[in-house]
Amino acid sequence: MAPGVTRRVRGVLFVDYVRMIRSAKNVDWSKYLHPEDLDIAQAEIAPDAWYPMESFERYGVGILTEIARGQLAAVRMWGRFQLDGARLVHPSLVAPGEPRETMMRFQVLRKTFFDFDAVKLVTVDEDSASIAVAYGMGKVAEEAASHQTVGFFERLVEVAGGKDVYARLTTCSWLGDAATRIDVDWRT
């Protein structure tokens, strides 16, 4: 994206962040969030509206620190749960009994989640897929979001009927790799 162009995330992913922030009333969110982020957190979040990626990043870092206590396993689990919200908005996302087709459907729908190439299917076969992740955030947020994405795809393949799903980060931009890649393997 060109400098100065705002990247955005769809409300369907944003709403859970806001829900967590609102529920943690004992946290001083101003340590992590800008005034405009706090304003958004007080407003109604529409699942089909667009919200600033910069706010999404700051919410994520605050939630990772204050709620998840830095535990990336919890963030990954949250990614698994996020699939349910995505399915409510996009009921055609999952092709029952067809993990490969489900991954292809995600590729078609991915622009409905982010208005830039944050997540992109690189390859997909009958029993595996490779996903490129490039949220363009700081190292802490990028790592957390990537773990969340692993959980999302892990659960997506399971819901589509994949068995013995094994999802993992194979390269990580925050560790110096050129890009972040998630590989997912399964049995049908």
Protein backbone atom coordinates (compact mmCIF):
# COMPACT_ATOMS: atom_id res chain seq x y z
CA MET A 1 0.00 0.00 0.00
CA ALA A 2 1.13 3.50 -0.71
CA PRO A 3 2.32 5.64 2.22
CA GLY A 4 -0.49 7.56 3.83
CA VAL A 5 -3.16 5.12 2.62
CA THR A 6 -5.29 3.87 5.47
CA ARG A 7 -5.56 0.10 5.84
CA ARG A 8 -8.86 -1.13 7.21
CA VAL A 9 -10.36 -4.19 8.87
CA ARG A 10 -13.99 -5.26 8.73
CA GLY A 11 -16.13 -4.95 11.84
CA VAL A 12 -16.75 -8.72 11.99
CA LEU A 13 -13.14 -9.07 13.24
CA PHE A 14 -13.13 -5.79 15.14
CA VAL A 15 -16.19 -6.49 17.31
CA ASP A 16 -14.50 -9.13 19.51
CA TYR A 17 -11.63 -6.78 20.29
CA VAL A 18 -14.07 -4.09 21.37
CA ARG A 19 -16.09 -6.55 23.43
CA MET A 20 -12.96 -7.59 25.35
CA ILE A 21 -11.89 -4.00 25.94
CA ARG A 22 -15.33 -3.06 27.23
CA SER A 23 -15.46 -6.04 29.57
CA ALA A 24 -12.07 -5.29 31.18
CA LYS A 25 -13.22 -2.23 33.09
CA ASN A 26 -10.31 -2.35 35.54
CA VAL A 27 -7.72 -1.78 32.77
CA ASP A 28 -6.38 1.68 31.95
CA TRP A 29 -6.70 1.33 28.19
CA SER A 30 -5.27 4.81 27.62
CA LYS A 31 -1.82 3.19 28.08
CA TYR A 32 -2.34 1.45 24.73
CA LEU A 33 -5.06 3.32 22.88
CA HIS A 34 -5.31 6.74 21.30
CA PRO A 35 -8.36 8.92 22.01
CA GLU A 36 -9.90 7.98 18.67
CA ASP A 37 -9.50 4.28 19.56
CA LEU A 38 -11.33 4.84 22.83
CA ASP A 39 -14.10 6.66 20.95
CA ILE A 40 -14.51 3.71 18.56
CA ALA A 41 -14.61 1.29 21.50
CA GLN A 42 -17.58 3.20 22.94
CA ALA A 43 -19.54 3.18 19.69
CA GLU A 44 -21.63 0.41 18.21
CA ILE A 45 -19.51 -1.82 15.97
CA ALA A 46 -21.18 -2.84 12.72
CA PRO A 47 -19.95 -6.21 11.41
CA ASP A 48 -19.97 -4.97 7.79
CA ALA A 49 -18.35 -1.55 8.42
CA TRP A 50 -14.66 -0.74 7.94
CA TYR A 51 -12.39 0.30 10.87
CA PRO A 52 -8.77 1.55 10.97
CA MET A 53 -6.09 -1.13 11.04
CA GLU A 54 -3.98 1.10 13.29
CA SER A 55 -6.71 0.96 15.97
CA PHE A 56 -6.99 -2.81 15.47
CA GLU A 57 -3.24 -3.10 16.07
CA ARG A 58 -3.32 -1.03 19.26
CA TYR A 59 -6.34 -2.97 20.55
CA GLY A 60 -4.50 -6.21 19.87
CA VAL A 61 -1.35 -5.19 21.74
CA GLY A 62 -3.40 -3.99 24.72
CA ILE A 63 -5.48 -7.18 24.79
CA LEU A 64 -2.37 -9.37 24.43
CA THR A 65 -0.77 -7.61 27.38
CA GLU A 66 -3.73 -7.10 29.71
CA ILE A 67 -6.09 -9.98 28.97
CA ALA A 68 -3.97 -12.75 27.40
CA ARG A 69 -1.00 -11.85 29.65
CA GLY A 70 1.33 -12.43 26.71
CA GLN A 71 0.19 -16.03 26.21
CA LEU A 72 0.22 -16.71 22.48
CA ALA A 73 -1.56 -20.04 23.00
CA ALA A 74 -4.56 -18.07 24.27
CA VAL A 75 -4.37 -15.82 21.20
CA ARG A 76 -4.31 -18.89 18.94
CA MET A 77 -7.37 -20.28 20.74
CA TRP A 78 -9.13 -16.97 20.26
CA GLY A 79 -8.45 -17.25 16.53
CA ARG A 80 -10.27 -20.58 16.59
CA PHE A 81 -13.28 -18.93 18.24
CA GLN A 82 -13.24 -16.05 15.74
CA LEU A 83 -14.24 -18.44 13.00
CA ASP A 84 -17.76 -18.61 14.45
CA GLY A 85 -18.30 -14.87 13.96
CA ALA A 86 -16.94 -15.04 10.43
CA ARG A 87 -19.32 -17.90 9.61
CA LEU A 88 -22.31 -15.90 10.83
CA VAL A 89 -21.47 -13.11 8.40
CA HIS A 90 -20.37 -15.50 5.61
CA PRO A 91 -22.42 -18.70 5.95
CA SER A 92 -21.11 -19.96 2.59
CA LEU A 93 -17.48 -19.87 3.80
CA VAL A 94 -17.45 -23.54 4.79
CA ALA A 95 -18.03 -26.30 2.24
CA PRO A 96 -18.98 -29.24 4.49
CA GLY A 97 -16.68 -32.21 3.93
CA GLU A 98 -14.42 -30.21 1.60
CA PRO A 99 -11.45 -28.50 3.30
CA ARG A 100 -9.78 -27.64 -0.03
CA GLU A 101 -12.94 -25.97 -1.36
CA THR A 102 -13.35 -24.16 1.97
CA MET A 103 -9.83 -22.74 1.64
CA MET A 104 -10.65 -21.60 -1.90
CA ARG A 105 -13.80 -19.91 -0.61
CA PHE A 106 -11.72 -18.09 2.00
CA GLN A 107 -9.46 -16.84 -0.78
CA VAL A 108 -12.49 -15.35 -2.54
CA LEU A 109 -13.86 -13.80 0.68
CA ARG A 110 -10.57 -12.53 2.15
CA LYS A 111 -11.05 -9.01 0.77
CA THR A 112 -14.21 -8.79 2.86
CA PHE A 113 -12.09 -9.00 6.06
CA PHE A 114 -9.25 -6.57 5.17
CA ASP A 115 -9.02 -4.01 2.37
CA PHE A 116 -5.40 -4.97 1.66
CA ASP A 117 -3.54 -8.28 1.19
CA ALA A 118 -3.22 -9.15 4.88
CA VAL A 119 -3.84 -12.87 4.38
CA LYS A 120 -3.45 -14.69 1.09
CA LEU A 121 -3.69 -18.32 0.08
CA VAL A 122 -0.41 -19.23 -1.63
CA THR A 123 -1.07 -22.90 -2.40
CA VAL A 124 -3.82 -25.38 -1.67
CA ASP A 125 -3.95 -29.12 -2.34
CA GLU A 126 -6.34 -31.87 -1.27
CA ASP A 127 -4.64 -32.20 2.12
CA SER A 128 -2.58 -29.04 2.67
CA ALA A 129 -2.43 -25.31 2.23
CA SER A 130 0.07 -22.52 2.63
CA ILE A 131 -1.01 -19.02 3.66
CA ALA A 132 1.01 -15.79 3.45
CA VAL A 133 0.40 -13.32 6.30
CA ALA A 134 1.37 -9.64 6.06
CA TYR A 135 -0.62 -7.40 8.38
CA GLY A 136 2.05 -4.69 8.24
CA MET A 137 2.07 -4.09 12.00
CA GLY A 138 4.79 -3.81 14.62
CA LYS A 139 6.59 -6.99 15.70
CA VAL A 140 4.48 -7.66 18.82
CA ALA A 141 1.18 -7.17 17.05
CA GLU A 142 2.29 -9.05 13.93
CA GLU A 143 3.34 -12.06 16.00
CA ALA A 144 0.11 -12.11 17.98
CA ALA A 145 -2.07 -11.65 14.89
CA SER A 146 -0.21 -14.43 13.10
CA HIS A 147 -0.83 -16.85 15.98
CA GLN A 148 -4.48 -15.82 15.93
CA THR A 149 -4.55 -16.54 12.19
CA VAL A 150 -3.07 -20.01 12.76
CA GLY A 151 -5.97 -20.76 15.11
CA PHE A 152 -8.50 -19.40 12.62
CA PHE A 153 -7.27 -21.64 9.78
CA GLU A 154 -6.83 -24.64 12.03
CA ARG A 155 -10.50 -24.40 13.05
CA LEU A 156 -11.66 -23.54 9.51
CA VAL A 157 -10.22 -26.79 8.18
CA GLU A 158 -11.66 -28.80 11.12
CA VAL A 159 -15.14 -27.36 10.60
CA ALA A 160 -14.86 -28.22 6.89
CA GLY A 161 -14.21 -31.86 7.82
CA GLY A 162 -10.42 -32.03 7.92
CA LYS A 163 -9.04 -34.61 10.37
CA ASP A 164 -5.75 -34.52 12.29
CA VAL A 165 -5.27 -30.86 11.36
CA TYR A 166 -1.74 -29.60 11.91
CA ALA A 167 -1.29 -25.84 11.49
CA ARG A 168 1.97 -24.01 12.17
CA LEU A 169 4.03 -20.95 11.42
CA THR A 170 6.88 -21.95 9.12
CA THR A 171 8.45 -18.50 8.64
CA CYS A 172 7.99 -15.39 10.77
CA SER A 173 8.64 -11.82 9.64
CA TRP A 174 9.05 -10.57 13.23
CA LEU A 175 11.99 -12.99 13.62
CA GLY A 176 13.71 -11.67 10.50
CA ASP A 177 12.26 -13.95 7.82
CA ALA A 178 11.32 -12.21 4.57
CA ALA A 179 7.65 -13.08 5.11
CA THR A 180 5.30 -14.91 7.44
CA ARG A 181 3.90 -18.21 6.25
CA ILE A 182 1.39 -20.59 7.80
CA ASP A 183 1.25 -24.20 6.62
CA VAL A 184 -1.79 -26.35 7.33
CA ASP A 185 -1.97 -30.12 6.76
CA TRP A 186 -4.97 -32.41 7.24
CA ARG A 187 -6.49 -35.76 6.38
CA THR A 188 -9.82 -36.01 4.56
